[in-house]
C-alpha atoms as a PDB file:
ATOM      1  CA  MET A   1      72.416 160.212   9.341  1.00  0.00           C
ATOM      2  CA  ILE A   2      69.963 160.713   8.526  1.00  0.00           C
ATOM      3  CA  ILE A   3      67.411 157.825   9.824  1.00  0.00           C
ATOM      4  CA  VAL A   4      63.515 156.328   8.089  1.00  0.00           C
ATOM      5  CA  ASP A   5      61.812 154.468  10.400  1.00  0.00           C
ATOM      6  CA  ALA A   6      58.625 153.635   8.181  1.00  0.00           C
ATOM      7  CA  HIS A   7      56.072 152.693  11.101  1.00  0.00           C
ATOM      8  CA  CYS A   8      55.534 152.505  14.910  1.00  0.00           C
ATOM      9  CA  ASP A   9      51.949 152.864  16.841  1.00  0.00           C
ATOM     10  CA  THR A  10      52.333 155.837  18.994  1.00  0.00           C
ATOM     11  CA  ILE A  11      49.937 158.309  17.989  1.00  0.00           C
ATOM     12  CA  THR A  12      47.682 155.188  19.719  1.00  0.00           C
ATOM     13  CA  LYS A  13      49.581 154.115  21.966  1.00  0.00           C
ATOM     14  CA  ILE A  14      49.545 157.766  23.696  1.00  0.00           C
ATOM     15  CA  MET A  15      45.623 157.282  22.588  1.00  0.00           C
ATOM     16  CA  GLU A  16      45.047 154.967  25.048  1.00  0.00           C
ATOM     17  CA  THR A  17      47.829 155.910  27.888  1.00  0.00           C
ATOM     18  CA  GLY A  18      46.842 159.426  28.115  1.00  0.00           C
ATOM     19  CA  GLU A  19      50.030 160.767  27.822  1.00  0.00           C
ATOM     20  CA  SER A  20      51.554 163.419  24.904  1.00  0.00           C
ATOM     21  CA  LEU A  21      53.950 162.709  21.950  1.00  0.00           C
ATOM     22  CA  HIS A  22      57.000 164.968  23.839  1.00  0.00           C
ATOM     23  CA  THR A  23      57.637 162.772  25.934  1.00  0.00           C
ATOM     24  CA  ASN A  24      56.244 159.793  27.341  1.00  0.00           C
ATOM     25  CA  LYS A  25      56.763 156.148  28.959  1.00  0.00           C
ATOM     26  CA  CYS A  26      56.590 154.592  24.983  1.00  0.00           C
ATOM     27  CA  HIS A  27      58.615 153.408  22.430  1.00  0.00           C
ATOM     28  CA  ILE A  28      59.021 157.003  21.218  1.00  0.00           C
ATOM     29  CA  ASP A  29      58.766 160.242  22.118  1.00  0.00           C
ATOM     30  CA  MET A  30      59.679 164.282  20.353  1.00  0.00           C
ATOM     31  CA  GLU A  31      62.578 164.035  23.292  1.00  0.00           C
ATOM     32  CA  ARG A  32      63.967 160.936  22.827  1.00  0.00           C
ATOM     33  CA  MET A  33      63.386 161.492  18.359  1.00  0.00           C
ATOM     34  CA  ILE A  34      65.722 164.866  18.698  1.00  0.00           C
ATOM     35  CA  ASN A  35      67.763 163.403  20.179  1.00  0.00           C
ATOM     36  CA  ALA A  36      68.456 160.684  17.337  1.00  0.00           C
ATOM     37  CA  GLY A  37      69.880 164.010  14.647  1.00  0.00           C
ATOM     38  CA  GLN A  38      68.125 163.415  11.301  1.00  0.00           C
ATOM     39  CA  TYR A  39      64.790 161.460  11.980  1.00  0.00           C
ATOM     40  CA  VAL A  40      62.197 160.781   9.771  1.00  0.00           C
ATOM     41  CA  GLN A  41      58.910 158.405  11.251  1.00  0.00           C
ATOM     42  CA  PHE A  42      56.351 157.320   9.225  1.00  0.00           C
ATOM     43  CA  PHE A  43      52.866 157.037  12.038  1.00  0.00           C
ATOM     44  CA  ALA A  44      50.082 155.241  11.643  1.00  0.00           C
ATOM     45  CA  ALA A  45      46.872 155.142  11.998  1.00  0.00           C
ATOM     46  CA  PHE A  46      46.080 151.365  13.346  1.00  0.00           C
ATOM     47  CA  ILE A  47      42.016 150.535  12.775  1.00  0.00           C
ATOM     48  CA  ASP A  48      41.729 148.058  14.528  1.00  0.00           C
ATOM     49  CA  PRO A  49      39.241 145.336  13.643  1.00  0.00           C
ATOM     50  CA  SER A  50      37.395 145.273  17.291  1.00  0.00           C
ATOM     51  CA  PHE A  51      35.905 148.992  15.522  1.00  0.00           C
ATOM     52  CA  GLY A  52      35.033 147.384  12.567  1.00  0.00           C
ATOM     53  CA  GLN A  53      33.709 148.217   9.607  1.00  0.00           C
ATOM     54  CA  ALA A  54      30.390 150.602  10.530  1.00  0.00           C
ATOM     55  CA  TYR A  55      33.275 152.198  12.583  1.00  0.00           C
ATOM     56  CA  ALA A  56      36.632 151.824  11.068  1.00  0.00           C
ATOM     57  CA  MET A  57      36.727 155.726   9.504  1.00  0.00           C
ATOM     58  CA  LYS A  58      35.364 157.818  12.433  1.00  0.00           C
ATOM     59  CA  ARG A  59      38.674 155.469  13.713  1.00  0.00           C
ATOM     60  CA  ALA A  60      41.225 156.593  11.580  1.00  0.00           C
ATOM     61  CA  VAL A  61      39.835 160.128  12.124  1.00  0.00           C
ATOM     62  CA  GLN A  62      39.706 160.507  15.581  1.00  0.00           C
ATOM     63  CA  ILE A  63      43.993 159.308  15.837  1.00  0.00           C
ATOM     64  CA  ILE A  64      44.929 161.241  12.909  1.00  0.00           C
ATOM     65  CA  ASP A  65      42.945 164.641  14.069  1.00  0.00           C
ATOM     66  CA  ARG A  66      45.080 162.939  17.792  1.00  0.00           C
ATOM     67  CA  PHE A  67      48.717 163.528  15.371  1.00  0.00           C
ATOM     68  CA  TYR A  68      47.674 167.161  14.719  1.00  0.00           C
ATOM     69  CA  GLU A  69      46.993 168.127  17.905  1.00  0.00           C
ATOM     70  CA  GLU A  70      50.408 166.943  19.098  1.00  0.00           C
ATOM     71  CA  ILE A  71      51.729 168.649  15.974  1.00  0.00           C
ATOM     72  CA  ASP A  72      49.957 172.177  16.986  1.00  0.00           C
ATOM     73  CA  ASN A  73      52.294 171.462  20.252  1.00  0.00           C
ATOM     74  CA  ASN A  74      55.354 170.403  19.246  1.00  0.00           C
ATOM     75  CA  THR A  75      57.450 172.991  17.644  1.00  0.00           C
ATOM     76  CA  CYS A  76      60.043 170.651  16.332  1.00  0.00           C
ATOM     77  CA  ILE A  77      57.421 168.728  14.650  1.00  0.00           C
ATOM     78  CA  SER A  78      56.413 168.973  10.999  1.00  0.00           C
ATOM     79  CA  LEU A  79      54.430 167.241   9.299  1.00  0.00           C
ATOM     80  CA  CYS A  80      55.637 166.148   5.564  1.00  0.00           C
ATOM     81  CA  THR A  81      53.950 165.901   2.411  1.00  0.00           C
ATOM     82  CA  ASN A  82      56.298 165.044   0.157  1.00  0.00           C
ATOM     83  CA  TYR A  83      60.505 165.004  -0.240  1.00  0.00           C
ATOM     84  CA  ASP A  84      61.121 168.526  -0.373  1.00  0.00           C
ATOM     85  CA  GLU A  85      58.837 169.137   2.690  1.00  0.00           C
ATOM     86  CA  VAL A  86      60.806 165.885   4.769  1.00  0.00           C
ATOM     87  CA  MET A  87      64.517 167.658   3.980  1.00  0.00           C
ATOM     88  CA  LYS A  88      63.225 171.382   4.841  1.00  0.00           C
ATOM     89  CA  ALA A  89      62.017 169.560   8.320  1.00  0.00           C
ATOM     90  CA  ILE A  90      65.059 168.084   8.409  1.00  0.00           C
ATOM     91  CA  ASN A  91      67.850 171.097   7.826  1.00  0.00           C
ATOM     92  CA  ALA A  92      65.707 173.050  10.245  1.00  0.00           C
ATOM     93  CA  LYS A  93      66.944 170.439  12.489  1.00  0.00           C
ATOM     94  CA  LYS A  94      63.188 169.474  12.677  1.00  0.00           C
ATOM     95  CA  VAL A  95      61.908 165.929  13.150  1.00  0.00           C
ATOM     96  CA  ALA A  96      60.143 164.473   9.651  1.00  0.00           C
ATOM     97  CA  ALA A  97      57.001 163.211  10.313  1.00  0.00           C
ATOM     98  CA  ILE A  98      55.348 161.306   7.605  1.00  0.00           C
ATOM     99  CA  LEU A  99      50.621 160.577   7.973  1.00  0.00           C
ATOM    100  CA  SER A 100      50.176 157.208   7.210  1.00  0.00           C
ATOM    101  CA  ILE A 101      47.062 154.362   7.849  1.00  0.00           C
ATOM    102  CA  GLU A 102      47.999 151.048   8.443  1.00  0.00           C
ATOM    103  CA  GLY A 103      44.960 148.828   7.844  1.00  0.00           C
ATOM    104  CA  GLY A 104      42.879 150.169   4.843  1.00  0.00           C
ATOM    105  CA  ASP A 105      39.148 149.055   6.251  1.00  0.00           C
ATOM    106  CA  ALA A 106      39.101 153.130   6.953  1.00  0.00           C
ATOM    107  CA  LEU A 107      38.477 153.914   3.438  1.00  0.00           C
ATOM    108  CA  GLN A 108      35.719 151.427   3.297  1.00  0.00           C
ATOM    109  CA  GLY A 109      35.095 150.649   0.022  1.00  0.00           C
ATOM    110  CA  ASP A 110      34.771 153.996  -1.374  1.00  0.00           C
ATOM    111  CA  LEU A 111      38.160 156.088  -3.676  1.00  0.00           C
ATOM    112  CA  ALA A 112      36.222 159.645  -2.222  1.00  0.00           C
ATOM    113  CA  ALA A 113      37.896 158.389   1.483  1.00  0.00           C
ATOM    114  CA  LEU A 114      41.194 158.638  -0.206  1.00  0.00           C
ATOM    115  CA  ARG A 115      41.277 161.364  -1.517  1.00  0.00           C
ATOM    116  CA  MET A 116      39.636 162.922   1.578  1.00  0.00           C
ATOM    117  CA  PHE A 117      42.406 161.334   3.807  1.00  0.00           C
ATOM    118  CA  TYR A 118      44.828 162.423   0.867  1.00  0.00           C
ATOM    119  CA  LYS A 119      44.126 166.213   1.745  1.00  0.00           C
ATOM    120  CA  LEU A 120      44.367 165.318   5.278  1.00  0.00           C
ATOM    121  CA  GLY A 121      48.035 164.281   5.037  1.00  0.00           C
ATOM    122  CA  VAL A 122      47.605 161.238   3.957  1.00  0.00           C
ATOM    123  CA  ARG A 123      50.949 159.792   1.769  1.00  0.00           C
ATOM    124  CA  SER A 124      51.148 156.061   2.561  1.00  0.00           C
ATOM    125  CA  VAL A 125      48.062 153.008   3.280  1.00  0.00           C
ATOM    126  CA  CYS A 126      49.076 149.499   4.116  1.00  0.00           C
ATOM    127  CA  LEU A 127      45.711 147.510   2.254  1.00  0.00           C
ATOM    128  CA  THR A 128      44.984 145.243   5.389  1.00  0.00           C
ATOM    129  CA  TRP A 129      46.244 144.391   8.664  1.00  0.00           C
ATOM    130  CA  ASN A 130      45.704 140.518   9.006  1.00  0.00           C
ATOM    131  CA  TYR A 131      42.547 139.846   7.543  1.00  0.00           C
ATOM    132  CA  ARG A 132      40.299 140.512   5.399  1.00  0.00           C
ATOM    133  CA  ASN A 133      38.421 144.336   3.961  1.00  0.00           C
ATOM    134  CA  GLU A 134      36.918 146.091   1.406  1.00  0.00           C
ATOM    135  CA  ILE A 135      40.469 145.852  -0.858  1.00  0.00           C
ATOM    136  CA  ALA A 136      41.794 142.334  -0.398  1.00  0.00           C
ATOM    137  CA  ASP A 137      42.973 139.663   2.167  1.00  0.00           C
ATOM    138  CA  GLY A 138      45.014 139.272   4.795  1.00  0.00           C
ATOM    139  CA  VAL A 139      48.315 136.807   5.522  1.00  0.00           C
ATOM    140  CA  LEU A 140      46.010 135.335   7.939  1.00  0.00           C
ATOM    141  CA  ASP A 141      43.430 135.015   4.850  1.00  0.00           C
ATOM    142  CA  GLY A 142      46.204 133.806   3.076  1.00  0.00           C
ATOM    143  CA  SER A 143      44.235 129.932   2.344  1.00  0.00           C
ATOM    144  CA  SER A 144      41.657 131.317   1.084  1.00  0.00           C
ATOM    145  CA  GLY A 145      44.021 132.693  -2.418  1.00  0.00           C
ATOM    146  CA  GLY A 146      42.163 135.735  -2.154  1.00  0.00           C
ATOM    147  CA  GLY A 147      44.215 138.976  -3.691  1.00  0.00           C
ATOM    148  CA  LEU A 148      43.044 142.384  -4.628  1.00  0.00           C
ATOM    149  CA  THR A 149      39.200 142.614  -4.985  1.00  0.00           C
ATOM    150  CA  PRO A 150      38.004 145.263  -7.624  1.00  0.00           C
ATOM    151  CA  PHE A 151      38.131 148.070  -5.255  1.00  0.00           C
ATOM    152  CA  GLY A 152      41.459 146.760  -4.346  1.00  0.00           C
ATOM    153  CA  LYS A 153      43.496 147.478  -7.835  1.00  0.00           C
ATOM    154  CA  LYS A 154      41.030 150.272  -8.328  1.00  0.00           C
ATOM    155  CA  LEU A 155      42.665 152.203  -5.448  1.00  0.00           C
ATOM    156  CA  ILE A 156      46.145 151.186  -6.255  1.00  0.00           C
ATOM    157  CA  VAL A 157      45.607 153.322  -9.493  1.00  0.00           C
ATOM    158  CA  GLU A 158      44.805 155.921  -7.950  1.00  0.00           C
ATOM    159  CA  MET A 159      46.578 156.080  -4.920  1.00  0.00           C
ATOM    160  CA  ASN A 160      50.011 156.043  -8.264  1.00  0.00           C
ATOM    161  CA  ARG A 161      47.862 158.863  -9.356  1.00  0.00           C
ATOM    162  CA  LEU A 162      47.415 161.013  -6.164  1.00  0.00           C
ATOM    163  CA  GLY A 163      51.898 160.275  -5.003  1.00  0.00           C
ATOM    164  CA  MET A 164      50.518 157.816  -2.210  1.00  0.00           C
ATOM    165  CA  ILE A 165      53.629 155.377  -1.200  1.00  0.00           C
ATOM    166  CA  VAL A 166      51.512 151.849  -1.463  1.00  0.00           C
ATOM    167  CA  ASP A 167      52.627 149.401   1.555  1.00  0.00           C
ATOM    168  CA  VAL A 168      52.031 145.871   1.592  1.00  0.00           C
ATOM    169  CA  SER A 169      52.881 144.408   5.235  1.00  0.00           C
ATOM    170  CA  HIS A 170      50.194 142.357   6.132  1.00  0.00           C
ATOM    171  CA  ILE A 171      48.475 141.489   2.776  1.00  0.00           C
ATOM    172  CA  SER A 172      48.292 138.279   1.917  1.00  0.00           C
ATOM    173  CA  GLU A 173      50.510 136.140  -0.780  1.00  0.00           C
ATOM    174  CA  LYS A 174      48.378 136.851  -3.650  1.00  0.00           C
ATOM    175  CA  GLY A 175      47.576 140.762  -3.522  1.00  0.00           C
ATOM    176  CA  PHE A 176      51.417 140.941  -2.708  1.00  0.00           C
ATOM    177  CA  TRP A 177      51.099 140.055  -6.604  1.00  0.00           C
ATOM    178  CA  ASP A 178      48.016 141.876  -7.168  1.00  0.00           C
ATOM    179  CA  CYS A 179      49.878 145.285  -6.265  1.00  0.00           C
ATOM    180  CA  ILE A 180      53.308 144.261  -7.875  1.00  0.00           C
ATOM    181  CA  GLU A 181      51.554 143.851 -10.860  1.00  0.00           C
ATOM    182  CA  LEU A 182      49.619 147.105 -10.868  1.00  0.00           C
ATOM    183  CA  THR A 183      51.609 149.731  -9.233  1.00  0.00           C
ATOM    184  CA  LYS A 184      53.912 151.992 -11.777  1.00  0.00           C
ATOM    185  CA  LYS A 185      55.731 153.544  -8.867  1.00  0.00           C
ATOM    186  CA  PRO A 186      57.514 151.650  -5.860  1.00  0.00           C
ATOM    187  CA  LEU A 187      56.209 149.903  -3.269  1.00  0.00           C
ATOM    188  CA  ILE A 188      56.760 149.538   0.210  1.00  0.00           C
ATOM    189  CA  ALA A 189      57.172 146.335   2.799  1.00  0.00           C
ATOM    190  CA  SER A 190      57.249 149.335   5.564  1.00  0.00           C
ATOM    191  CA  HIS A 191      57.335 146.653   8.326  1.00  0.00           C
ATOM    192  CA  SER A 192      58.089 142.691   7.096  1.00  0.00           C
ATOM    193  CA  ASN A 193      61.414 140.004   7.363  1.00  0.00           C
ATOM    194  CA  ALA A 194      62.340 137.589   5.798  1.00  0.00           C
ATOM    195  CA  LYS A 195      60.598 135.056   5.803  1.00  0.00           C
ATOM    196  CA  LYS A 196      63.773 132.062   5.487  1.00  0.00           C
ATOM    197  CA  LEU A 197      64.849 133.415   9.250  1.00  0.00           C
ATOM    198  CA  CYS A 198      61.359 133.168  10.606  1.00  0.00           C
ATOM    199  CA  THR A 199      58.673 131.236   8.917  1.00  0.00           C
ATOM    200  CA  HIS A 200      55.997 134.006  11.089  1.00  0.00           C
ATOM    201  CA  ALA A 201      53.291 134.119   8.336  1.00  0.00           C
ATOM    202  CA  ARG A 202      54.034 138.502   8.365  1.00  0.00           C
ATOM    203  CA  ASN A 203      56.968 138.024   6.840  1.00  0.00           C
ATOM    204  CA  LEU A 204      58.185 138.028   3.013  1.00  0.00           C
ATOM    205  CA  THR A 205      59.231 134.934   1.234  1.00  0.00           C
ATOM    206  CA  ASP A 206      62.477 135.218  -1.224  1.00  0.00           C
ATOM    207  CA  GLU A 207      60.244 135.672  -3.900  1.00  0.00           C
ATOM    208  CA  GLN A 208      58.516 138.827  -2.525  1.00  0.00           C
ATOM    209  CA  LEU A 209      61.514 140.240  -1.145  1.00  0.00           C
ATOM    210  CA  ASN A 210      62.980 139.869  -4.541  1.00  0.00           C
ATOM    211  CA  ALA A 211      60.160 141.537  -6.171  1.00  0.00           C
ATOM    212  CA  ILE A 212      60.112 144.638  -4.413  1.00  0.00           C
ATOM    213  CA  LYS A 213      64.180 145.333  -5.427  1.00  0.00           C
ATOM    214  CA  ASP A 214      62.532 144.640  -9.141  1.00  0.00           C
ATOM    215  CA  ASN A 215      60.023 147.444  -7.774  1.00  0.00           C
ATOM    216  CA  GLY A 216      63.063 150.266  -6.722  1.00  0.00           C
ATOM    217  CA  GLY A 217      60.489 149.655  -3.335  1.00  0.00           C
ATOM    218  CA  VAL A 218      62.194 148.674  -0.104  1.00  0.00           C
ATOM    219  CA  ALA A 219      61.267 146.287   3.270  1.00  0.00           C
ATOM    220  CA  GLY A 220      61.800 147.595   6.637  1.00  0.00           C
ATOM    221  CA  ILE A 221      62.666 145.632   8.967  1.00  0.00           C
ATOM    222  CA  ASN A 222      60.339 144.988  12.303  1.00  0.00           C
ATOM    223  CA  PHE A 223      61.454 144.955  15.759  1.00  0.00           C
ATOM    224  CA  TYR A 224      58.992 142.139  16.871  1.00  0.00           C
ATOM    225  CA  PRO A 225      60.717 139.549  18.621  1.00  0.00           C
ATOM    226  CA  ARG A 226      58.419 136.826  17.136  1.00  0.00           C
ATOM    227  CA  PHE A 227      58.983 138.132  13.508  1.00  0.00           C
ATOM    228  CA  LEU A 228      62.996 138.165  14.251  1.00  0.00           C
ATOM    229  CA  LYS A 229      63.250 134.802  15.013  1.00  0.00           C
ATOM    230  CA  ASP A 230      61.292 131.038  15.196  1.00  0.00           C
ATOM    231  CA  ASN A 231      61.289 130.920  19.269  1.00  0.00           C
ATOM    232  CA  GLY A 232      59.887 134.313  19.716  1.00  0.00           C
ATOM    233  CA  SER A 233      63.017 135.534  21.607  1.00  0.00           C
ATOM    234  CA  ALA A 234      65.516 138.008  20.597  1.00  0.00           C
ATOM    235  CA  SER A 235      68.336 140.385  20.311  1.00  0.00           C
ATOM    236  CA  LEU A 236      69.787 142.963  19.194  1.00  0.00           C
ATOM    237  CA  ASN A 237      71.646 140.659  17.134  1.00  0.00           C
ATOM    238  CA  ASP A 238      68.716 138.921  15.296  1.00  0.00           C
ATOM    239  CA  ILE A 239      67.835 142.509  13.726  1.00  0.00           C
ATOM    240  CA  VAL A 240      70.965 142.714  12.299  1.00  0.00           C
ATOM    241  CA  ARG A 241      70.366 139.344  10.828  1.00  0.00           C
ATOM    242  CA  HIS A 242      67.625 139.596   9.086  1.00  0.00           C
ATOM    243  CA  ILE A 243      69.343 143.112   7.012  1.00  0.00           C
ATOM    244  CA  GLU A 244      71.990 141.779   5.982  1.00  0.00           C
ATOM    245  CA  TYR A 245      70.124 138.593   4.916  1.00  0.00           C
ATOM    246  CA  ILE A 246      68.152 140.988   2.216  1.00  0.00           C
ATOM    247  CA  CYS A 247      71.756 143.001   2.001  1.00  0.00           C
ATOM    248  CA  SER A 248      72.774 139.689   0.775  1.00  0.00           C
ATOM    249  CA  LEU A 249      69.603 138.586  -1.488  1.00  0.00           C
ATOM    250  CA  VAL A 250      68.686 142.249  -3.031  1.00  0.00           C
ATOM    251  CA  GLY A 251      71.478 144.170  -2.605  1.00  0.00           C
ATOM    252  CA  VAL A 252      71.533 146.910   0.034  1.00  0.00           C
ATOM    253  CA  ASN A 253      69.180 149.660  -1.682  1.00  0.00           C
ATOM    254  CA  HIS A 254      66.276 148.001  -0.687  1.00  0.00           C
ATOM    255  CA  VAL A 255      65.848 147.249   3.240  1.00  0.00           C
ATOM    256  CA  GLY A 256      65.200 150.312   6.247  1.00  0.00           C
ATOM    257  CA  PHE A 257      63.700 149.474   9.200  1.00  0.00           C
ATOM    258  CA  GLY A 258      60.232 149.557  10.261  1.00  0.00           C
ATOM    259  CA  SER A 259      60.829 149.238  13.590  1.00  0.00           C
ATOM    260  CA  ASP A 260      56.128 148.799  14.822  1.00  0.00           C
ATOM    261  CA  PHE A 261      57.997 150.833  17.870  1.00  0.00           C
ATOM    262  CA  ASP A 262      54.469 150.947  20.235  1.00  0.00           C
ATOM    263  CA  GLY A 263      52.373 148.450  18.431  1.00  0.00           C
ATOM    264  CA  ILE A 264      54.393 145.491  19.886  1.00  0.00           C
ATOM    265  CA  GLU A 265      54.305 144.107  22.904  1.00  0.00           C
ATOM    266  CA  SER A 266      57.144 143.127  23.761  1.00  0.00           C
ATOM    267  CA  VAL A 267      61.238 144.180  21.902  1.00  0.00           C
ATOM    268  CA  PRO A 268      64.550 142.230  21.138  1.00  0.00           C
ATOM    269  CA  GLU A 269      66.926 142.604  23.760  1.00  0.00           C
ATOM    270  CA  GLY A 270      69.193 145.655  23.709  1.00  0.00           C
ATOM    271  CA  VAL A 271      66.284 147.582  22.189  1.00  0.00           C
ATOM    272  CA  ASN A 272      63.991 149.093  24.234  1.00  0.00           C
ATOM    273  CA  GLY A 273      63.166 151.950  22.177  1.00  0.00           C
ATOM    274  CA  ILE A 274      64.195 154.604  19.702  1.00  0.00           C
ATOM    275  CA  GLN A 275      67.017 156.085  21.718  1.00  0.00           C
ATOM    276  CA  ASP A 276      68.458 152.164  20.626  1.00  0.00           C
ATOM    277  CA  MET A 277      68.698 152.915  17.204  1.00  0.00           C
ATOM    278  CA  GLY A 278      72.272 153.565  17.415  1.00  0.00           C
ATOM    279  CA  LYS A 279      72.845 149.597  18.517  1.00  0.00           C
ATOM    280  CA  VAL A 280      72.232 148.706  15.377  1.00  0.00           C
ATOM    281  CA  LEU A 281      73.959 150.771  12.923  1.00  0.00           C
ATOM    282  CA  ASN A 282      76.699 150.645  15.398  1.00  0.00           C
ATOM    283  CA  GLU A 283      76.023 146.850  15.225  1.00  0.00           C
ATOM    284  CA  LEU A 284      77.108 147.435  11.277  1.00  0.00           C
ATOM    285  CA  VAL A 285      80.167 149.716  11.632  1.00  0.00           C
ATOM    286  CA  ARG A 286      81.420 147.000  13.424  1.00  0.00           C
ATOM    287  CA  LEU A 287      80.456 143.988  11.265  1.00  0.00           C
ATOM    288  CA  ASN A 288      82.448 147.074   8.227  1.00  0.00           C
ATOM    289  CA  TYR A 289      79.355 147.955   5.811  1.00  0.00           C
ATOM    290  CA  LYS A 290      80.775 151.343   4.074  1.00  0.00           C
ATOM    291  CA  SER A 291      79.506 153.958   5.428  1.00  0.00           C
ATOM    292  CA  GLU A 292      77.668 154.871   2.857  1.00  0.00           C
ATOM    293  CA  ASP A 293      75.780 151.542   2.897  1.00  0.00           C
ATOM    294  CA  ILE A 294      74.791 152.220   6.602  1.00  0.00           C
ATOM    295  CA  GLU A 295      73.367 155.962   4.735  1.00  0.00           C
ATOM    296  CA  LYS A 296      71.114 153.710   2.742  1.00  0.00           C
ATOM    297  CA  ILE A 297      69.685 151.006   4.490  1.00  0.00           C
ATOM    298  CA  ALA A 298      69.809 154.179   8.267  1.00  0.00           C
ATOM    299  CA  GLY A 299      67.194 156.162   5.576  1.00  0.00           C
ATOM    300  CA  LEU A 300      68.470 157.338   2.175  1.00  0.00           C
ATOM    301  CA  ASN A 301      66.656 153.671   0.894  1.00  0.00           C
ATOM    302  CA  PHE A 302      63.229 155.247   2.312  1.00  0.00           C
ATOM    303  CA  LEU A 303      63.953 158.587   1.107  1.00  0.00           C
ATOM    304  CA  ARG A 304      64.210 157.415  -2.430  1.00  0.00           C
ATOM    305  CA  VAL A 305      60.738 155.677  -2.287  1.00  0.00           C
ATOM    306  CA  ILE A 306      59.501 158.783  -0.649  1.00  0.00           C
ATOM    307  CA  LYS A 307      60.472 161.359  -3.751  1.00  0.00           C
ATOM    308  CA  ASP A 308      60.372 159.000  -6.382  1.00  0.00           C
ATOM    309  CA  THR A 309      56.629 157.854  -4.905  1.00  0.00           C
ATOM    310  CA  ILE A 310      55.016 161.597  -2.837  1.00  0.00           C
ATOM    311  CA  ILE A 311      54.551 164.369  -5.129  1.00  0.00           C
ATOM    312  CA  SER A 312      52.412 166.443  -3.942  1.00  0.00           C
END
């Protein structure tokens, strides 16, 4: 069974801890990814707002540079820039790595920067973090009613042309709807949950989830307890609860995993890292989900978006 995790912050984390990707005390490392079997991991270059406008692009380059160092030092992982490369890595029993940027601040309002990041291997961009940038308002700026800026609208068109995945986790609701209207390709909410079950601003309304379904996209379940349950105390069952809710609302073809491992301050009880992903799948087996549906949730849904979107 192929597992796809659409979001982690592990590269940034090991830059802070001084550890390696191969073996560490983080939520994710190479040894555990290999043990998980056929594994596809999106690695995000997270642009913390503390770096400010002047240094956002520099920070992204630093994180991507560290990512390449780790790739060069591990023969059992491959950077993949399209669907065929993902399948080639899986067939070679390697981890398939996809490079993403979390926080379009890194582009500094310039499409040339997007094209250069594309040439560096970036294939997905989470347009905002929680706050406003040159692309759109973030989810915590929602009260202003701001959506995509003129630059943001040009960006969506250019990402579609290049073959890059538009990621709407963290964007304001108005920005979300602007993306839905503009994009000609499936988009993702790489690490966002159902607002009906947990009212955190980072989660998606039923209307947004239905729009993702109509777009052919996928929402990745975030494992952060604060996004799983309003009281911030969550377990493995709460991950499954969000999966079941989204499946019941929009169908099994539009939900996957976006753990946010190594970018979250705490984890649900019973889920301490990538080594526990199988527990979620086992619970779906216990609930009598069909094997083909579990395979879709585990990874085939995100693989479909990769195949439909990342063209080269």
